[in-house]
PDB file of all heavy atoms in Angstrom:
ATOM      1  N   GLU A   1     -88.675 -56.569 -21.608  1.00  0.00           N
ATOM      2  CA  GLU A   1     -88.211 -55.153 -21.403  1.00  0.00           C
ATOM      3  C   GLU A   1     -89.176 -54.426 -20.416  1.00  0.00           C
ATOM      4  O   GLU A   1     -88.699 -53.737 -19.544  1.00  0.00           O
ATOM      5  CB  GLU A   1     -88.156 -54.384 -22.763  1.00  0.00           C
ATOM      6  CG  GLU A   1     -86.984 -54.991 -23.595  1.00  0.00           C
ATOM      7  CD  GLU A   1     -85.622 -55.016 -22.827  1.00  0.00           C
ATOM      8  OE1 GLU A   1     -85.214 -54.048 -22.208  1.00  0.00           O
ATOM      9  OE2 GLU A   1     -84.880 -56.078 -22.945  1.00  0.00           O
ATOM     10  N   GLN A   2     -90.489 -54.697 -20.650  1.00  0.00           N
ATOM     11  CA  GLN A   2     -91.475 -54.168 -19.673  1.00  0.00           C
ATOM     12  C   GLN A   2     -91.242 -54.791 -18.351  1.00  0.00           C
ATOM     13  O   GLN A   2     -91.311 -54.036 -17.300  1.00  0.00           O
ATOM     14  CB  GLN A   2     -92.777 -54.389 -20.264  1.00  0.00           C
ATOM     15  CG  GLN A   2     -93.195 -53.642 -21.517  1.00  0.00           C
ATOM     16  CD  GLN A   2     -94.585 -54.008 -22.009  1.00  0.00           C
ATOM     17  OE1 GLN A   2     -95.403 -54.570 -21.320  1.00  0.00           O
ATOM     18  NE2 GLN A   2     -94.829 -53.682 -23.265  1.00  0.00           N
ATOM     19  N   TYR A   3     -91.048 -56.041 -18.278  1.00  0.00           N
ATOM     20  CA  TYR A   3     -90.862 -56.765 -17.030  1.00  0.00           C
ATOM     21  C   TYR A   3     -89.666 -56.269 -16.201  1.00  0.00           C
ATOM     22  O   TYR A   3     -89.823 -56.190 -15.021  1.00  0.00           O
ATOM     23  CB  TYR A   3     -90.718 -58.244 -17.248  1.00  0.00           C
ATOM     24  CG  TYR A   3     -90.761 -59.140 -16.034  1.00  0.00           C
ATOM     25  CD1 TYR A   3     -91.812 -59.399 -15.359  1.00  0.00           C
ATOM     26  CD2 TYR A   3     -89.454 -59.764 -15.671  1.00  0.00           C
ATOM     27  CE1 TYR A   3     -91.818 -60.160 -14.137  1.00  0.00           C
ATOM     28  CE2 TYR A   3     -89.423 -60.468 -14.589  1.00  0.00           C
ATOM     29  CZ  TYR A   3     -90.509 -60.744 -13.792  1.00  0.00           C
ATOM     30  OH  TYR A   3     -90.522 -61.493 -12.591  1.00  0.00           O
ATOM     31  N   LYS A   4     -88.634 -55.881 -16.894  1.00  0.00           N
ATOM     32  CA  LYS A   4     -87.442 -55.384 -16.217  1.00  0.00           C
ATOM     33  C   LYS A   4     -87.694 -54.036 -15.529  1.00  0.00           C
ATOM     34  O   LYS A   4     -87.036 -53.745 -14.494  1.00  0.00           O
ATOM     35  CB  LYS A   4     -86.284 -55.193 -17.254  1.00  0.00           C
ATOM     36  CG  LYS A   4     -85.680 -56.467 -17.732  1.00  0.00           C
ATOM     37  CD  LYS A   4     -84.576 -56.185 -18.765  1.00  0.00           C
ATOM     38  CE  LYS A   4     -84.048 -57.367 -19.357  1.00  0.00           C
ATOM     39  NZ  LYS A   4     -83.009 -57.134 -20.430  1.00  0.00           N
ATOM     40  N   LYS A   5     -88.712 -53.316 -15.905  1.00  0.00           N
ATOM     41  CA  LYS A   5     -88.958 -52.002 -15.371  1.00  0.00           C
ATOM     42  C   LYS A   5     -89.968 -52.091 -14.137  1.00  0.00           C
ATOM     43  O   LYS A   5     -90.207 -51.136 -13.378  1.00  0.00           O
ATOM     44  CB  LYS A   5     -89.720 -51.107 -16.414  1.00  0.00           C
ATOM     45  CG  LYS A   5     -88.779 -50.804 -17.685  1.00  0.00           C
ATOM     46  CD  LYS A   5     -89.530 -49.957 -18.651  1.00  0.00           C
ATOM     47  CE  LYS A   5     -88.660 -49.625 -19.912  1.00  0.00           C
ATOM     48  NZ  LYS A   5     -89.411 -48.977 -20.875  1.00  0.00           N
ATOM     49  N   ILE A   6     -90.448 -53.296 -13.929  1.00  0.00           N
ATOM     50  CA  ILE A   6     -91.366 -53.555 -12.834  1.00  0.00           C
ATOM     51  C   ILE A   6     -90.505 -53.736 -11.527  1.00  0.00           C
ATOM     52  O   ILE A   6     -89.707 -54.663 -11.392  1.00  0.00           O
ATOM     53  CB  ILE A   6     -92.241 -54.786 -13.059  1.00  0.00           C
ATOM     54  CG1 ILE A   6     -93.165 -54.529 -14.204  1.00  0.00           C
ATOM     55  CG2 ILE A   6     -93.107 -55.059 -11.777  1.00  0.00           C
ATOM     56  CD1 ILE A   6     -93.981 -55.765 -14.590  1.00  0.00           C
ATOM     57  N   ASP A   7     -90.663 -52.747 -10.593  1.00  0.00           N
ATOM     58  CA  ASP A   7     -90.095 -52.915  -9.313  1.00  0.00           C
ATOM     59  C   ASP A   7     -90.952 -53.575  -8.216  1.00  0.00           C
ATOM     60  O   ASP A   7     -90.554 -54.273  -7.409  1.00  0.00           O
ATOM     61  CB  ASP A   7     -89.798 -51.503  -8.803  1.00  0.00           C
ATOM     62  CG  ASP A   7     -88.953 -51.444  -7.527  1.00  0.00           C
ATOM     63  OD1 ASP A   7     -87.727 -51.993  -7.485  1.00  0.00           O
ATOM     64  OD2 ASP A   7     -89.468 -50.997  -6.484  1.00  0.00           O
ATOM     65  N   LYS A   8     -92.284 -53.336  -8.302  1.00  0.00           N
ATOM     66  CA  LYS A   8     -93.191 -53.894  -7.393  1.00  0.00           C
ATOM     67  C   LYS A   8     -94.391 -54.529  -8.123  1.00  0.00           C
ATOM     68  O   LYS A   8     -94.948 -53.823  -9.035  1.00  0.00           O
ATOM     69  CB  LYS A   8     -93.741 -52.829  -6.363  1.00  0.00           C
ATOM     70  CG  LYS A   8     -92.632 -52.288  -5.489  1.00  0.00           C
ATOM     71  CD  LYS A   8     -93.233 -51.244  -4.497  1.00  0.00           C
ATOM     72  CE  LYS A   8     -92.156 -50.650  -3.562  1.00  0.00           C
ATOM     73  NZ  LYS A   8     -91.201 -49.732  -4.368  1.00  0.00           N
ATOM     74  N   LEU A   9     -94.902 -55.611  -7.583  1.00  0.00           N
ATOM     75  CA  LEU A   9     -95.992 -56.262  -8.134  1.00  0.00           C
ATOM     76  C   LEU A   9     -97.071 -56.428  -6.967  1.00  0.00           C
ATOM     77  O   LEU A   9     -96.593 -56.864  -5.842  1.00  0.00           O
ATOM     78  CB  LEU A   9     -95.761 -57.651  -8.739  1.00  0.00           C
ATOM     79  CG  LEU A   9     -95.045 -57.647 -10.056  1.00  0.00           C
ATOM     80  CD1 LEU A   9     -94.525 -59.025 -10.434  1.00  0.00           C
ATOM     81  CD2 LEU A   9     -96.001 -57.191 -11.164  1.00  0.00           C
ATOM     82  N   PHE A  10     -98.211 -56.064  -7.150  1.00  0.00           N
ATOM     83  CA  PHE A  10     -99.271 -56.178  -6.110  1.00  0.00           C
ATOM     84  C   PHE A  10    -100.533 -56.803  -6.644  1.00  0.00           C
ATOM     85  O   PHE A  10    -100.871 -56.629  -7.771  1.00  0.00           O
ATOM     86  CB  PHE A  10     -99.762 -54.749  -5.674  1.00  0.00           C
ATOM     87  CG  PHE A  10     -98.710 -54.042  -4.817  1.00  0.00           C
ATOM     88  CD1 PHE A  10     -97.921 -53.015  -5.394  1.00  0.00           C
ATOM     89  CD2 PHE A  10     -98.608 -54.291  -3.462  1.00  0.00           C
ATOM     90  CE1 PHE A  10     -97.043 -52.332  -4.572  1.00  0.00           C
ATOM     91  CE2 PHE A  10     -97.709 -53.507  -2.629  1.00  0.00           C
ATOM     92  CZ  PHE A  10     -96.900 -52.559  -3.272  1.00  0.00           C
ATOM     93  N   ASP A  11    -101.296 -57.493  -5.721  1.00  0.00           N
ATOM     94  CA  ASP A  11    -102.584 -57.874  -6.076  1.00  0.00           C
ATOM     95  C   ASP A  11    -103.292 -56.481  -5.748  1.00  0.00           C
ATOM     96  O   ASP A  11    -102.908 -55.627  -4.932  1.00  0.00           O
ATOM     97  CB  ASP A  11    -103.179 -58.881  -5.054  1.00  0.00           C
ATOM     98  CG  ASP A  11    -104.013 -59.860  -5.739  1.00  0.00           C
ATOM     99  OD1 ASP A  11    -103.404 -60.854  -6.362  1.00  0.00           O
ATOM    100  OD2 ASP A  11    -105.232 -59.771  -5.769  1.00  0.00           O
ATOM    101  N   LEU A  12    -104.422 -56.199  -6.503  1.00  0.00           N
ATOM    102  CA  LEU A  12    -105.049 -54.882  -6.486  1.00  0.00           C
ATOM    103  C   LEU A  12    -105.452 -54.475  -5.025  1.00  0.00           C
ATOM    104  O   LEU A  12    -105.216 -53.337  -4.649  1.00  0.00           O
ATOM    105  CB  LEU A  12    -106.336 -54.920  -7.326  1.00  0.00           C
ATOM    106  CG  LEU A  12    -107.044 -53.557  -7.491  1.00  0.00           C
ATOM    107  CD1 LEU A  12    -106.121 -52.348  -7.839  1.00  0.00           C
ATOM    108  CD2 LEU A  12    -108.186 -53.637  -8.632  1.00  0.00           C
ATOM    109  N   ALA A  13    -105.969 -55.338  -4.203  1.00  0.00           N
ATOM    110  CA  ALA A  13    -106.335 -54.984  -2.797  1.00  0.00           C
ATOM    111  C   ALA A  13    -105.077 -54.623  -2.062  1.00  0.00           C
ATOM    112  O   ALA A  13    -105.223 -53.595  -1.259  1.00  0.00           O
ATOM    113  CB  ALA A  13    -107.032 -56.162  -2.115  1.00  0.00           C
ATOM    114  N   ASP A  14    -103.999 -55.278  -2.246  1.00  0.00           N
ATOM    115  CA  ASP A  14    -102.750 -54.885  -1.526  1.00  0.00           C
ATOM    116  C   ASP A  14    -102.232 -53.554  -2.018  1.00  0.00           C
ATOM    117  O   ASP A  14    -101.726 -52.773  -1.344  1.00  0.00           O
ATOM    118  CB  ASP A  14    -101.713 -56.026  -1.701  1.00  0.00           C
ATOM    119  CG  ASP A  14    -102.099 -57.299  -1.043  1.00  0.00           C
ATOM    120  OD1 ASP A  14    -102.921 -57.206  -0.109  1.00  0.00           O
ATOM    121  OD2 ASP A  14    -101.736 -58.361  -1.544  1.00  0.00           O
ATOM    122  N   PHE A  15    -102.356 -53.300  -3.346  1.00  0.00           N
ATOM    123  CA  PHE A  15    -101.952 -51.982  -3.875  1.00  0.00           C
ATOM    124  C   PHE A  15    -102.754 -50.831  -3.169  1.00  0.00           C
ATOM    125  O   PHE A  15    -102.155 -49.764  -2.848  1.00  0.00           O
ATOM    126  CB  PHE A  15    -102.209 -51.902  -5.412  1.00  0.00           C
ATOM    127  CG  PHE A  15    -102.222 -50.535  -5.936  1.00  0.00           C
ATOM    128  CD1 PHE A  15    -101.049 -49.886  -6.142  1.00  0.00           C
ATOM    129  CD2 PHE A  15    -103.420 -49.847  -6.191  1.00  0.00           C
ATOM    130  CE1 PHE A  15    -100.955 -48.627  -6.613  1.00  0.00           C
ATOM    131  CE2 PHE A  15    -103.417 -48.522  -6.656  1.00  0.00           C
ATOM    132  CZ  PHE A  15    -102.139 -47.913  -6.904  1.00  0.00           C
ATOM    133  N   LEU A  16    -103.959 -50.984  -2.992  1.00  0.00           N
ATOM    134  CA  LEU A  16    -104.869 -50.004  -2.428  1.00  0.00           C
ATOM    135  C   LEU A  16    -104.419 -49.699  -0.948  1.00  0.00           C
ATOM    136  O   LEU A  16    -104.364 -48.524  -0.550  1.00  0.00           O
ATOM    137  CB  LEU A  16    -106.313 -50.345  -2.439  1.00  0.00           C
ATOM    138  CG  LEU A  16    -106.923 -50.490  -3.772  1.00  0.00           C
ATOM    139  CD1 LEU A  16    -108.328 -51.126  -3.706  1.00  0.00           C
ATOM    140  CD2 LEU A  16    -107.005 -49.125  -4.477  1.00  0.00           C
ATOM    141  N   VAL A  17    -103.947 -50.768  -0.251  1.00  0.00           N
ATOM    142  CA  VAL A  17    -103.437 -50.683   1.092  1.00  0.00           C
ATOM    143  C   VAL A  17    -102.138 -49.912   1.144  1.00  0.00           C
ATOM    144  O   VAL A  17    -101.863 -48.931   1.906  1.00  0.00           O
ATOM    145  CB  VAL A  17    -103.389 -52.052   1.854  1.00  0.00           C
ATOM    146  CG1 VAL A  17    -102.549 -51.924   3.155  1.00  0.00           C
ATOM    147  CG2 VAL A  17    -104.751 -52.628   1.973  1.00  0.00           C
ATOM    148  N   PHE A  18    -101.283 -50.243   0.053  1.00  0.00           N
ATOM    149  CA  PHE A  18    -100.100 -49.529  -0.094  1.00  0.00           C
ATOM    150  C   PHE A  18    -100.260 -48.067  -0.409  1.00  0.00           C
ATOM    151  O   PHE A  18     -99.566 -47.195   0.152  1.00  0.00           O
ATOM    152  CB  PHE A  18     -99.254 -50.246  -1.206  1.00  0.00           C
ATOM    153  CG  PHE A  18     -97.989 -49.543  -1.626  1.00  0.00           C
ATOM    154  CD1 PHE A  18     -96.917 -49.440  -0.676  1.00  0.00           C
ATOM    155  CD2 PHE A  18     -97.788 -49.010  -2.835  1.00  0.00           C
ATOM    156  CE1 PHE A  18     -95.745 -48.794  -0.899  1.00  0.00           C
ATOM    157  CE2 PHE A  18     -96.562 -48.434  -3.170  1.00  0.00           C
ATOM    158  CZ  PHE A  18     -95.546 -48.245  -2.257  1.00  0.00           C
ATOM    159  N   LYS A  19    -101.162 -47.762  -1.298  1.00  0.00           N
ATOM    160  CA  LYS A  19    -101.551 -46.378  -1.674  1.00  0.00           C
ATOM    161  C   LYS A  19    -101.987 -45.663  -0.481  1.00  0.00           C
ATOM    162  O   LYS A  19    -101.625 -44.409  -0.352  1.00  0.00           O
ATOM    163  CB  LYS A  19    -102.588 -46.431  -2.749  1.00  0.00           C
ATOM    164  CG  LYS A  19    -102.736 -45.098  -3.456  1.00  0.00           C
ATOM    165  CD  LYS A  19    -101.532 -44.768  -4.447  1.00  0.00           C
ATOM    166  CE  LYS A  19    -101.890 -43.538  -5.255  1.00  0.00           C
ATOM    167  NZ  LYS A  19    -100.806 -43.143  -6.093  1.00  0.00           N
ATOM    168  N   ALA A  20    -102.696 -46.253   0.449  1.00  0.00           N
ATOM    169  CA  ALA A  20    -103.346 -45.588   1.556  1.00  0.00           C
ATOM    170  C   ALA A  20    -102.256 -45.336   2.697  1.00  0.00           C
ATOM    171  O   ALA A  20    -102.408 -44.395   3.505  1.00  0.00           O
ATOM    172  CB  ALA A  20    -104.461 -46.428   2.159  1.00  0.00           C
ATOM    173  N   THR A  21    -101.228 -46.184   2.851  1.00  0.00           N
ATOM    174  CA  THR A  21    -100.329 -46.197   3.971  1.00  0.00           C
ATOM    175  C   THR A  21     -98.876 -45.993   3.659  1.00  0.00           C
ATOM    176  O   THR A  21     -98.091 -45.740   4.551  1.00  0.00           O
ATOM    177  CB  THR A  21    -100.506 -47.515   4.715  1.00  0.00           C
ATOM    178  OG1 THR A  21    -100.107 -48.559   3.849  1.00  0.00           O
ATOM    179  CG2 THR A  21    -101.915 -47.704   5.263  1.00  0.00           C
ATOM    180  N   ASN A  22     -98.472 -46.257   2.404  1.00  0.00           N
ATOM    181  CA  ASN A  22     -97.058 -46.382   1.968  1.00  0.00           C
ATOM    182  C   ASN A  22     -96.396 -47.615   2.497  1.00  0.00           C
ATOM    183  O   ASN A  22     -95.159 -47.697   2.553  1.00  0.00           O
ATOM    184  CB  ASN A  22     -96.215 -45.144   2.386  1.00  0.00           C
ATOM    185  CG  ASN A  22     -96.732 -43.841   1.560  1.00  0.00           C
ATOM    186  OD1 ASN A  22     -97.042 -43.864   0.525  1.00  0.00           O
ATOM    187  ND2 ASN A  22     -96.670 -42.734   2.348  1.00  0.00           N
ATOM    188  N   ASN A  23     -97.173 -48.497   3.022  1.00  0.00           N
ATOM    189  CA  ASN A  23     -96.676 -49.776   3.653  1.00  0.00           C
ATOM    190  C   ASN A  23     -96.917 -50.841   2.629  1.00  0.00           C
ATOM    191  O   ASN A  23     -98.205 -51.164   2.446  1.00  0.00           O
ATOM    192  CB  ASN A  23     -97.269 -49.955   4.904  1.00  0.00           C
ATOM    193  CG  ASN A  23     -96.841 -51.319   5.696  1.00  0.00           C
ATOM    194  OD1 ASN A  23     -95.924 -51.894   5.196  1.00  0.00           O
ATOM    195  ND2 ASN A  23     -97.410 -51.556   6.765  1.00  0.00           N
ATOM    196  N   PRO A  24     -95.951 -51.621   2.131  1.00  0.00           N
ATOM    197  CA  PRO A  24     -96.204 -52.720   1.248  1.00  0.00           C
ATOM    198  C   PRO A  24     -96.652 -53.981   1.809  1.00  0.00           C
ATOM    199  O   PRO A  24     -96.224 -55.037   1.412  1.00  0.00           O
ATOM    200  CB  PRO A  24     -94.926 -52.809   0.434  1.00  0.00           C
ATOM    201  CG  PRO A  24     -93.915 -52.458   1.435  1.00  0.00           C
ATOM    202  CD  PRO A  24     -94.517 -51.410   2.351  1.00  0.00           C
ATOM    203  N   ILE A  25     -97.480 -53.861   2.899  1.00  0.00           N
ATOM    204  CA  ILE A  25     -97.940 -55.139   3.477  1.00  0.00           C
ATOM    205  C   ILE A  25     -98.897 -55.921   2.651  1.00  0.00           C
ATOM    206  O   ILE A  25     -99.718 -55.287   1.967  1.00  0.00           O
ATOM    207  CB  ILE A  25     -98.550 -54.743   4.868  1.00  0.00           C
ATOM    208  CG1 ILE A  25     -98.831 -56.013   5.702  1.00  0.00           C
ATOM    209  CG2 ILE A  25     -99.858 -54.010   4.687  1.00  0.00           C
ATOM    210  CD1 ILE A  25     -99.191 -55.713   7.196  1.00  0.00           C
ATOM    211  N   ARG A  26     -98.756 -57.204   2.661  1.00  0.00           N
ATOM    212  CA  ARG A  26     -99.532 -58.018   1.752  1.00  0.00           C
ATOM    213  C   ARG A  26    -100.567 -58.850   2.623  1.00  0.00           C
ATOM    214  O   ARG A  26    -100.336 -59.164   3.720  1.00  0.00           O
ATOM    215  CB  ARG A  26     -98.688 -59.075   0.981  1.00  0.00           C
ATOM    216  CG  ARG A  26     -97.350 -58.470   0.329  1.00  0.00           C
ATOM    217  CD  ARG A  26     -97.682 -57.449  -0.735  1.00  0.00           C
ATOM    218  NE  ARG A  26     -96.525 -56.909  -1.204  1.00  0.00           N
ATOM    219  CZ  ARG A  26     -96.125 -56.742  -2.582  1.00  0.00           C
ATOM    220  NH1 ARG A  26     -96.984 -57.293  -3.455  1.00  0.00           N
ATOM    221  NH2 ARG A  26     -95.075 -56.141  -2.888  1.00  0.00           N
ATOM    222  N   SER A  27    -101.707 -59.304   1.951  1.00  0.00           N
ATOM    223  CA  SER A  27    -102.664 -60.017   2.744  1.00  0.00           C
ATOM    224  C   SER A  27    -102.457 -61.458   2.537  1.00  0.00           C
ATOM    225  O   SER A  27    -102.279 -62.008   1.346  1.00  0.00           O
ATOM    226  CB  SER A  27    -104.118 -59.600   2.155  1.00  0.00           C
ATOM    227  OG  SER A  27    -104.985 -60.532   2.465  1.00  0.00           O
ATOM    228  N   VAL A  28    -102.781 -62.247   3.566  1.00  0.00           N
ATOM    229  CA  VAL A  28    -102.733 -63.718   3.485  1.00  0.00           C
ATOM    230  C   VAL A  28    -103.774 -64.198   2.510  1.00  0.00           C
ATOM    231  O   VAL A  28    -103.595 -65.286   1.815  1.00  0.00           O
ATOM    232  CB  VAL A  28    -102.893 -64.350   4.822  1.00  0.00           C
ATOM    233  CG1 VAL A  28    -104.335 -64.222   5.420  1.00  0.00           C
ATOM    234  CG2 VAL A  28    -102.541 -65.891   4.862  1.00  0.00           C
ATOM    235  N   CYS A  29    -104.853 -63.429   2.382  1.00  0.00           N
ATOM    236  CA  CYS A  29    -105.884 -63.801   1.360  1.00  0.00           C
ATOM    237  C   CYS A  29    -105.447 -63.720  -0.097  1.00  0.00           C
ATOM    238  O   CYS A  29    -105.459 -64.607  -0.730  1.00  0.00           O
ATOM    239  CB  CYS A  29    -107.056 -62.886   1.591  1.00  0.00           C
ATOM    240  SG  CYS A  29    -108.339 -63.102   0.427  1.00  0.00           S
ATOM    241  N   THR A  30    -104.885 -62.563  -0.464  1.00  0.00           N
ATOM    242  CA  THR A  30    -104.391 -62.422  -1.762  1.00  0.00           C
ATOM    243  C   THR A  30    -103.296 -63.352  -2.158  1.00  0.00           C
ATOM    244  O   THR A  30    -103.292 -64.004  -3.191  1.00  0.00           O
ATOM    245  CB  THR A  30    -103.985 -60.968  -2.041  1.00  0.00           C
ATOM    246  OG1 THR A  30    -102.962 -60.609  -1.237  1.00  0.00           O
ATOM    247  CG2 THR A  30    -105.133 -60.009  -1.905  1.00  0.00           C
ATOM    248  N   LYS A  31    -102.331 -63.456  -1.232  1.00  0.00           N
ATOM    249  CA  LYS A  31    -101.135 -64.235  -1.492  1.00  0.00           C
ATOM    250  C   LYS A  31    -101.504 -65.772  -1.605  1.00  0.00           C
ATOM    251  O   LYS A  31    -100.879 -66.483  -2.410  1.00  0.00           O
ATOM    252  CB  LYS A  31     -99.991 -63.987  -0.504  1.00  0.00           C
ATOM    253  CG  LYS A  31     -99.511 -62.630  -0.659  1.00  0.00           C
ATOM    254  CD  LYS A  31     -98.814 -62.438  -1.989  1.00  0.00           C
ATOM    255  CE  LYS A  31     -98.750 -61.013  -2.444  1.00  0.00           C
ATOM    256  NZ  LYS A  31     -99.973 -60.333  -2.762  1.00  0.00           N
ATOM    257  N   SER A  32    -102.252 -66.187  -0.769  1.00  0.00           N
ATOM    258  CA  SER A  32    -102.620 -67.618  -0.703  1.00  0.00           C
ATOM    259  C   SER A  32    -103.474 -68.038  -1.931  1.00  0.00           C
ATOM    260  O   SER A  32    -103.184 -69.065  -2.592  1.00  0.00           O
ATOM    261  CB  SER A  32    -103.401 -68.004   0.585  1.00  0.00           C
ATOM    262  OG  SER A  32    -102.591 -67.806   1.709  1.00  0.00           O
ATOM    263  N   CYS A  33    -104.513 -67.249  -2.166  1.00  0.00           N
ATOM    264  CA  CYS A  33    -105.567 -67.564  -3.169  1.00  0.00           C
ATOM    265  C   CYS A  33    -104.975 -67.331  -4.598  1.00  0.00           C
ATOM    266  O   CYS A  33    -105.540 -68.041  -5.547  1.00  0.00           O
ATOM    267  CB  CYS A  33    -106.723 -66.864  -2.936  1.00  0.00           C
ATOM    268  SG  CYS A  33    -107.552 -67.169  -1.335  1.00  0.00           S
ATOM    269  N   LYS A  34    -104.107 -66.376  -4.881  1.00  0.00           N
ATOM    270  CA  LYS A  34    -103.743 -66.039  -6.184  1.00  0.00           C
ATOM    271  C   LYS A  34    -102.253 -66.037  -6.448  1.00  0.00           C
ATOM    272  O   LYS A  34    -101.925 -65.908  -7.731  1.00  0.00           O
ATOM    273  CB  LYS A  34    -104.273 -64.582  -6.509  1.00  0.00           C
ATOM    274  CG  LYS A  34    -105.743 -64.404  -6.290  1.00  0.00           C
ATOM    275  CD  LYS A  34    -106.621 -65.410  -7.112  1.00  0.00           C
ATOM    276  CE  LYS A  34    -108.068 -65.409  -6.671  1.00  0.00           C
ATOM    277  NZ  LYS A  34    -108.856 -66.442  -7.313  1.00  0.00           N
ATOM    278  N   TRP A  35    -101.452 -66.239  -5.489  1.00  0.00           N
ATOM    279  CA  TRP A  35     -99.970 -66.297  -5.678  1.00  0.00           C
ATOM    280  C   TRP A  35     -99.287 -67.570  -5.253  1.00  0.00           C
ATOM    281  O   TRP A  35     -98.009 -67.720  -5.200  1.00  0.00           O
ATOM    282  CB  TRP A  35     -99.400 -65.185  -4.972  1.00  0.00           C
ATOM    283  CG  TRP A  35     -99.688 -63.822  -5.374  1.00  0.00           C
ATOM    284  CD1 TRP A  35    -100.956 -63.142  -5.217  1.00  0.00           C
ATOM    285  CD2 TRP A  35     -98.898 -62.854  -6.109  1.00  0.00           C
ATOM    286  NE1 TRP A  35    -101.048 -61.892  -5.716  1.00  0.00           N
ATOM    287  CE2 TRP A  35     -99.754 -61.605  -6.250  1.00  0.00           C
ATOM    288  CE3 TRP A  35     -97.663 -62.818  -6.483  1.00  0.00           C
ATOM    289  CZ2 TRP A  35     -99.312 -60.499  -6.870  1.00  0.00           C
ATOM    290  CZ3 TRP A  35     -97.156 -61.602  -7.147  1.00  0.00           C
ATOM    291  CH2 TRP A  35     -97.979 -60.527  -7.309  1.00  0.00           C
ATOM    292  N   ASN A  36    -100.145 -68.604  -4.894  1.00  0.00           N
ATOM    293  CA  ASN A  36     -99.627 -69.868  -4.467  1.00  0.00           C
ATOM    294  C   ASN A  36     -98.710 -69.762  -3.260  1.00  0.00           C
ATOM    295  O   ASN A  36     -97.848 -70.637  -3.011  1.00  0.00           O
ATOM    296  CB  ASN A  36     -98.889 -70.590  -5.612  1.00  0.00           C
ATOM    297  CG  ASN A  36     -99.681 -70.867  -6.774  1.00  0.00           C
ATOM    298  OD1 ASN A  36     -99.786 -70.104  -7.697  1.00  0.00           O
ATOM    299  ND2 ASN A  36    -100.351 -72.087  -6.740  1.00  0.00           N
ATOM    300  N   TYR A  37     -98.949 -68.846  -2.387  1.00  0.00           N
ATOM    301  CA  TYR A  37     -98.286 -68.728  -1.047  1.00  0.00           C
ATOM    302  C   TYR A  37     -98.871 -69.707  -0.181  1.00  0.00           C
ATOM    303  O   TYR A  37    -100.102 -69.972  -0.079  1.00  0.00           O
ATOM    304  CB  TYR A  37     -98.378 -67.286  -0.523  1.00  0.00           C
ATOM    305  CG  TYR A  37     -97.836 -67.077   0.836  1.00  0.00           C
ATOM    306  CD1 TYR A  37     -96.532 -66.924   0.990  1.00  0.00           C
ATOM    307  CD2 TYR A  37     -98.624 -67.012   1.943  1.00  0.00           C
ATOM    308  CE1 TYR A  37     -95.959 -66.725   2.257  1.00  0.00           C
ATOM    309  CE2 TYR A  37     -98.098 -66.807   3.163  1.00  0.00           C
ATOM    310  CZ  TYR A  37     -96.764 -66.654   3.427  1.00  0.00           C
ATOM    311  OH  TYR A  37     -96.293 -66.464   4.623  1.00  0.00           O
ATOM    312  N   LEU A  38     -98.035 -70.455   0.641  1.00  0.00           N
ATOM    313  CA  LEU A  38     -98.467 -71.528   1.481  1.00  0.00           C
ATOM    314  C   LEU A  38     -98.620 -70.980   2.918  1.00  0.00           C
ATOM    315  O   LEU A  38     -97.729 -70.939   3.717  1.00  0.00           O
ATOM    316  CB  LEU A  38     -97.438 -72.637   1.470  1.00  0.00           C
ATOM    317  CG  LEU A  38     -97.114 -73.265   0.041  1.00  0.00           C
ATOM    318  CD1 LEU A  38     -96.032 -74.219   0.110  1.00  0.00           C
ATOM    319  CD2 LEU A  38     -98.451 -73.779  -0.595  1.00  0.00           C
ATOM    320  N   ALA A  39     -99.869 -70.467   3.147  1.00  0.00           N
ATOM    321  CA  ALA A  39    -100.043 -69.686   4.413  1.00  0.00           C
ATOM    322  C   ALA A  39    -100.019 -70.566   5.627  1.00  0.00           C
ATOM    323  O   ALA A  39     -99.438 -70.138   6.679  1.00  0.00           O
ATOM    324  CB  ALA A  39    -101.438 -69.031   4.428  1.00  0.00           C
TER     325      ALA A  39
END
């Protein structure tokens, strides 16, 4: 039920960038190293 309420998930560094700019841009660093993104 908590999971259904989640609209956005961020790595903390990406959240700070989003908070600063309103742009949900993600970093190749966070996504590769912690989210199994294949950069």
